[in-house]
Amino acid sequence: MKLKGTIRRNDLEGGHWTIETDKGETYQLQGKLDDCKDGMKAEVEGKVDKGAMGIGMTGPHFDVQKLSAL
């Protein structure tokens, strides 16, 4: 699955990364996030982790396999 949108940093509970897609959806990112920068346009490839739980509550968890800046 591929998502395109804007990467955002959320400082809630120690911090985590999200992507706000071009369709208006928000996913909490996990996995390969070394190149993330707040506000960057990006495409991420991976899958929704339906079994993941977290305190961030900013959207479904998306397990990133590949991150590409646009």
Protein backbone atom coordinates (compact mmCIF):
# COMPACT_ATOMS: atom_id res chain seq x y z
CA MET A 1 0.00 0.00 0.00
CA LYS A 2 1.27 3.50 -0.84
CA LEU A 3 0.28 6.76 0.82
CA LYS A 4 1.16 10.27 -0.37
CA GLY A 5 0.95 13.29 1.87
CA THR A 6 2.69 15.49 4.42
CA ILE A 7 4.83 14.13 7.25
CA ARG A 8 4.14 15.73 10.63
CA ARG A 9 5.85 15.42 14.02
CA ASN A 10 3.50 15.02 16.98
CA ASP A 11 5.10 15.60 20.40
CA LEU A 12 2.37 13.77 22.35
CA GLU A 13 3.75 11.16 24.78
CA GLY A 14 7.39 11.39 23.77
CA GLY A 15 6.71 12.05 20.11
CA HIS A 16 5.75 10.16 16.99
CA TRP A 17 5.46 10.73 13.25
CA THR A 18 2.22 10.92 11.27
CA ILE A 19 1.32 11.35 7.64
CA GLU A 20 -1.63 13.48 6.58
CA THR A 21 -2.61 12.03 3.22
CA ASP A 22 -3.79 13.99 0.21
CA LYS A 23 -7.22 12.41 0.88
CA GLY A 24 -7.39 13.90 4.39
CA GLU A 25 -6.61 10.71 6.33
CA THR A 26 -4.05 10.57 9.15
CA TYR A 27 -1.88 7.56 9.96
CA GLN A 28 0.61 7.13 12.80
CA LEU A 29 3.89 5.97 11.28
CA GLN A 30 6.23 3.29 12.62
CA GLY A 31 9.19 1.49 11.08
CA LYS A 32 11.82 2.98 8.75
CA LEU A 33 11.54 6.69 9.60
CA ASP A 34 15.18 7.85 9.68
CA ASP A 35 14.72 10.47 6.93
CA CYS A 36 11.51 12.05 8.26
CA LYS A 37 11.30 15.83 8.56
CA ASP A 38 8.31 17.79 9.79
CA GLY A 39 6.39 19.28 6.87
CA MET A 40 8.03 17.22 4.13
CA LYS A 41 5.94 15.89 1.25
CA ALA A 42 6.48 12.17 0.96
CA GLU A 43 5.26 8.83 -0.29
CA VAL A 44 5.40 5.91 2.10
CA GLU A 45 5.05 2.23 1.24
CA GLY A 46 4.00 -0.40 3.73
CA LYS A 47 0.86 -1.71 5.38
CA VAL A 48 -1.64 -0.84 8.08
CA ASP A 49 -0.84 -2.73 11.28
CA LYS A 50 -4.32 -3.65 12.52
CA GLY A 51 -2.92 -5.29 15.66
CA ALA A 52 -0.92 -2.27 16.87
CA MET A 53 -2.03 -0.20 19.82
CA GLY A 54 -0.58 3.02 21.12
CA ILE A 55 -1.28 6.02 23.25
CA GLY A 56 -0.92 8.54 20.38
CA MET A 57 -4.48 7.98 19.10
CA THR A 58 -3.74 9.96 15.93
CA GLY A 59 -4.91 7.30 13.50
CA PRO A 60 -4.22 3.74 12.43
CA HIS A 61 -0.61 2.56 12.70
CA PHE A 62 1.17 2.31 9.35
CA ASP A 63 4.29 0.11 9.22
CA VAL A 64 6.64 1.93 6.81
CA GLN A 65 8.86 -0.23 4.60
CA LYS A 66 10.01 2.60 2.30
CA LEU A 67 9.94 6.40 2.55
CA SER A 68 10.50 8.65 -0.48
CA ALA A 69 10.58 12.46 -0.44
CA LEU A 70 8.51 14.11 -3.17
